[in-house]
Amino acid sequence: MTSADFSLKPHEEVLSVVRQSIIPNGWKFLGYGTWFLLPFFFLFPLVRSGMWGIISFFILLISGLFVLGRTYIRWSKTILIVTDKRVVDIDQKGYFDRTVTEVPYGQIDEVSYRVKGFWATVFRYGYVRLDVSGAAADIQFNRVSRPAHVHNLINDLREDYRQSIK
């Protein structure tokens, strides 16, 4: 997490940084990693086939590196930051496409989570949804490891905030 992604307000403390689980993205990493490594297994036949073989080698190599890098960037930079004053959702959609949404606890109406499917139940990942009051968009953070833990943390902080303003 770099300073360009997120900056703390005065007297604010980060309580948790939540990333997506690697498990549901594992097939993508495996597939794109194979795509990246595949040209090396055919290096000698491609080189022997002349100029078009070398061009094919580099096209496969560069495209595999591009999609593998894009998948890694999307996974590593998509985070949910829980502070003592707000929740910040940083959603990385590509190399140059990032959406940052922040919601103070006073605007959160409801916090829910869902674990759906066999693999999600086995590997304990799901999504956490924050329903936000007003015109702001709701936040849904997908593929969270242990969504119940994140749900309870945000709910406790939301309740603490509501108790402090009474």
Protein backbone atom coordinates (compact mmCIF):
# COMPACT_ATOMS: atom_id res chain seq x y z
CA MET A 1 0.00 0.00 0.00
CA THR A 2 1.56 3.25 -1.11
CA SER A 3 0.82 6.80 -0.05
CA ALA A 4 -0.75 7.49 -3.47
CA ASP A 5 -3.43 4.87 -2.76
CA PHE A 6 -4.49 6.03 0.67
CA SER A 7 -3.63 8.63 3.27
CA LEU A 8 -4.65 8.75 6.90
CA LYS A 9 -6.52 11.67 8.35
CA PRO A 10 -5.20 13.30 11.54
CA HIS A 11 -5.59 11.05 14.62
CA GLU A 12 -6.72 8.10 12.51
CA GLU A 13 -5.45 4.56 12.97
CA VAL A 14 -5.56 1.62 10.55
CA LEU A 15 -7.13 -1.37 12.29
CA SER A 16 -7.18 -3.87 9.44
CA VAL A 17 -6.11 -4.19 5.82
CA VAL A 18 -8.20 -6.85 4.08
CA ARG A 19 -7.14 -8.40 0.78
CA GLN A 20 -8.93 -10.78 -1.50
CA SER A 21 -8.28 -14.47 -0.93
CA ILE A 22 -5.73 -15.98 -3.32
CA ILE A 23 -7.72 -19.24 -3.55
CA PRO A 24 -10.44 -18.17 -6.05
CA ASN A 25 -7.82 -16.44 -8.20
CA GLY A 26 -5.51 -19.45 -8.14
CA TRP A 27 -6.82 -20.84 -11.44
CA LYS A 28 -6.15 -17.52 -13.16
CA PHE A 29 -2.60 -17.37 -11.80
CA LEU A 30 -2.00 -20.99 -12.81
CA GLY A 31 -3.42 -20.49 -16.31
CA TYR A 32 -1.64 -17.21 -17.00
CA GLY A 33 1.58 -18.55 -15.47
CA THR A 34 1.38 -21.50 -17.86
CA TRP A 35 0.72 -19.11 -20.74
CA PHE A 36 3.85 -17.16 -19.73
CA LEU A 37 6.03 -20.30 -19.38
CA LEU A 38 4.68 -22.17 -22.41
CA PRO A 39 6.97 -20.51 -24.98
CA PHE A 40 10.04 -21.73 -23.08
CA PHE A 41 8.95 -25.36 -23.52
CA PHE A 42 8.76 -24.82 -27.27
CA LEU A 43 11.82 -22.59 -27.52
CA PHE A 44 13.95 -24.87 -29.72
CA PRO A 45 11.20 -25.83 -32.20
CA LEU A 46 10.16 -22.18 -32.47
CA VAL A 47 13.72 -20.98 -33.05
CA ARG A 48 14.28 -23.71 -35.66
CA SER A 49 11.21 -22.59 -37.57
CA GLY A 50 12.87 -19.26 -38.36
CA MET A 51 11.78 -15.69 -38.02
CA TRP A 52 8.07 -16.47 -37.53
CA GLY A 53 8.91 -18.90 -34.73
CA ILE A 54 10.96 -16.25 -32.91
CA ILE A 55 8.16 -13.70 -33.39
CA SER A 56 5.64 -16.25 -32.05
CA PHE A 57 7.91 -16.89 -29.05
CA PHE A 58 8.05 -13.21 -28.13
CA ILE A 59 4.34 -12.62 -28.75
CA LEU A 60 3.41 -15.50 -26.41
CA LEU A 61 5.99 -14.41 -23.84
CA ILE A 62 5.00 -10.73 -23.77
CA SER A 63 1.26 -11.38 -23.83
CA GLY A 64 1.59 -13.96 -21.04
CA LEU A 65 3.64 -11.54 -18.97
CA PHE A 66 1.05 -8.79 -19.58
CA VAL A 67 -1.98 -10.82 -18.45
CA LEU A 68 -0.11 -12.40 -15.53
CA GLY A 69 1.05 -8.95 -14.38
CA ARG A 70 -2.44 -7.49 -14.79
CA THR A 71 -3.96 -10.29 -12.73
CA TYR A 72 -1.36 -9.85 -9.99
CA ILE A 73 -1.81 -6.05 -9.90
CA ARG A 74 -5.60 -6.44 -9.71
CA TRP A 75 -5.30 -8.94 -6.87
CA SER A 76 -2.61 -7.18 -4.84
CA LYS A 77 -3.96 -3.63 -5.08
CA THR A 78 -7.64 -4.41 -4.42
CA ILE A 79 -7.93 -3.88 -0.68
CA LEU A 80 -10.41 -2.89 1.99
CA ILE A 81 -8.93 -0.69 4.72
CA VAL A 82 -10.74 -0.51 8.05
CA THR A 83 -9.72 2.42 10.23
CA ASP A 84 -11.15 3.68 13.49
CA LYS A 85 -13.08 6.42 11.61
CA ARG A 86 -14.01 5.01 8.19
CA VAL A 87 -13.86 2.15 5.71
CA VAL A 88 -11.90 2.66 2.47
CA ASP A 89 -12.41 0.36 -0.53
CA ILE A 90 -9.66 0.47 -3.15
CA ASP A 91 -10.74 -1.46 -6.24
CA GLN A 92 -8.01 -1.97 -8.85
CA LYS A 93 -9.59 -2.96 -12.15
CA GLY A 94 -6.56 -2.84 -14.43
CA TYR A 95 -3.16 -1.25 -14.79
CA PHE A 96 -4.56 2.28 -15.00
CA ASP A 97 -8.08 1.94 -13.58
CA ARG A 98 -8.62 2.36 -9.82
CA THR A 99 -11.74 3.25 -7.87
CA VAL A 100 -11.42 4.48 -4.27
CA THR A 101 -14.54 4.67 -2.10
CA GLU A 102 -14.54 5.78 1.51
CA VAL A 103 -17.44 5.64 3.94
CA PRO A 104 -17.51 7.01 7.49
CA TYR A 105 -19.20 4.77 10.05
CA GLY A 106 -22.07 7.23 10.43
CA GLN A 107 -23.19 6.55 6.86
CA ILE A 108 -23.15 2.75 7.07
CA ASP A 109 -26.70 1.44 7.48
CA GLU A 110 -26.04 -2.28 7.35
CA VAL A 111 -23.11 -4.69 7.16
CA SER A 112 -23.65 -8.16 5.75
CA TYR A 113 -21.56 -11.03 4.45
CA ARG A 114 -22.20 -14.11 2.35
CA VAL A 115 -20.37 -17.34 1.76
CA LYS A 116 -21.85 -19.11 -1.25
CA GLY A 117 -20.82 -22.39 -2.81
CA PHE A 118 -18.89 -25.49 -1.93
CA TRP A 119 -15.37 -24.12 -2.52
CA ALA A 120 -16.15 -20.85 -0.76
CA THR A 121 -17.36 -22.80 2.27
CA VAL A 122 -14.36 -25.14 2.28
CA PHE A 123 -11.78 -22.35 1.87
CA ARG A 124 -13.77 -19.82 3.96
CA TYR A 125 -14.07 -16.91 1.57
CA GLY A 126 -17.05 -14.81 0.58
CA TYR A 127 -18.06 -11.20 0.23
CA VAL A 128 -18.75 -8.36 2.64
CA ARG A 129 -21.38 -5.78 1.72
CA LEU A 130 -21.79 -2.34 3.25
CA ASP A 131 -25.14 -0.65 2.63
CA VAL A 132 -24.53 3.09 2.66
CA SER A 133 -27.16 5.74 3.36
CA GLY A 134 -27.75 8.59 0.96
CA ALA A 135 -26.72 8.79 -2.67
CA ALA A 136 -23.38 7.06 -2.13
CA ALA A 137 -22.83 3.71 -3.78
CA ASP A 138 -22.90 0.58 -1.66
CA ILE A 139 -19.60 -1.24 -1.18
CA GLN A 140 -19.25 -4.93 -1.92
CA PHE A 141 -15.82 -6.45 -1.37
CA ASN A 142 -15.58 -9.87 -3.02
CA ARG A 143 -13.50 -12.95 -2.24
CA VAL A 144 -12.65 -11.96 1.33
CA SER A 145 -10.91 -14.50 3.54
CA ARG A 146 -12.95 -15.03 6.71
CA PRO A 147 -15.76 -12.58 5.85
CA ALA A 148 -17.42 -13.13 9.24
CA HIS A 149 -14.36 -11.66 10.97
CA VAL A 150 -14.42 -8.56 8.74
CA HIS A 151 -18.19 -8.25 9.19
CA ASN A 152 -17.89 -8.38 12.99
CA LEU A 153 -15.05 -5.85 13.05
CA ILE A 154 -16.92 -3.30 10.92
CA ASN A 155 -20.18 -3.90 12.80
CA ASP A 156 -18.46 -3.40 16.19
CA LEU A 157 -16.82 -0.18 15.00
CA ARG A 158 -20.13 1.05 13.59
CA GLU A 159 -21.88 0.35 16.90
CA ASP A 160 -19.07 2.06 18.85
CA TYR A 161 -19.47 5.11 16.62
CA ARG A 162 -23.23 5.21 17.19
CA GLN A 163 -22.73 4.91 20.96
CA SER A 164 -20.20 7.74 20.98
CA ILE A 165 -22.55 10.23 19.29
CA LYS A 166 -25.42 9.57 21.74
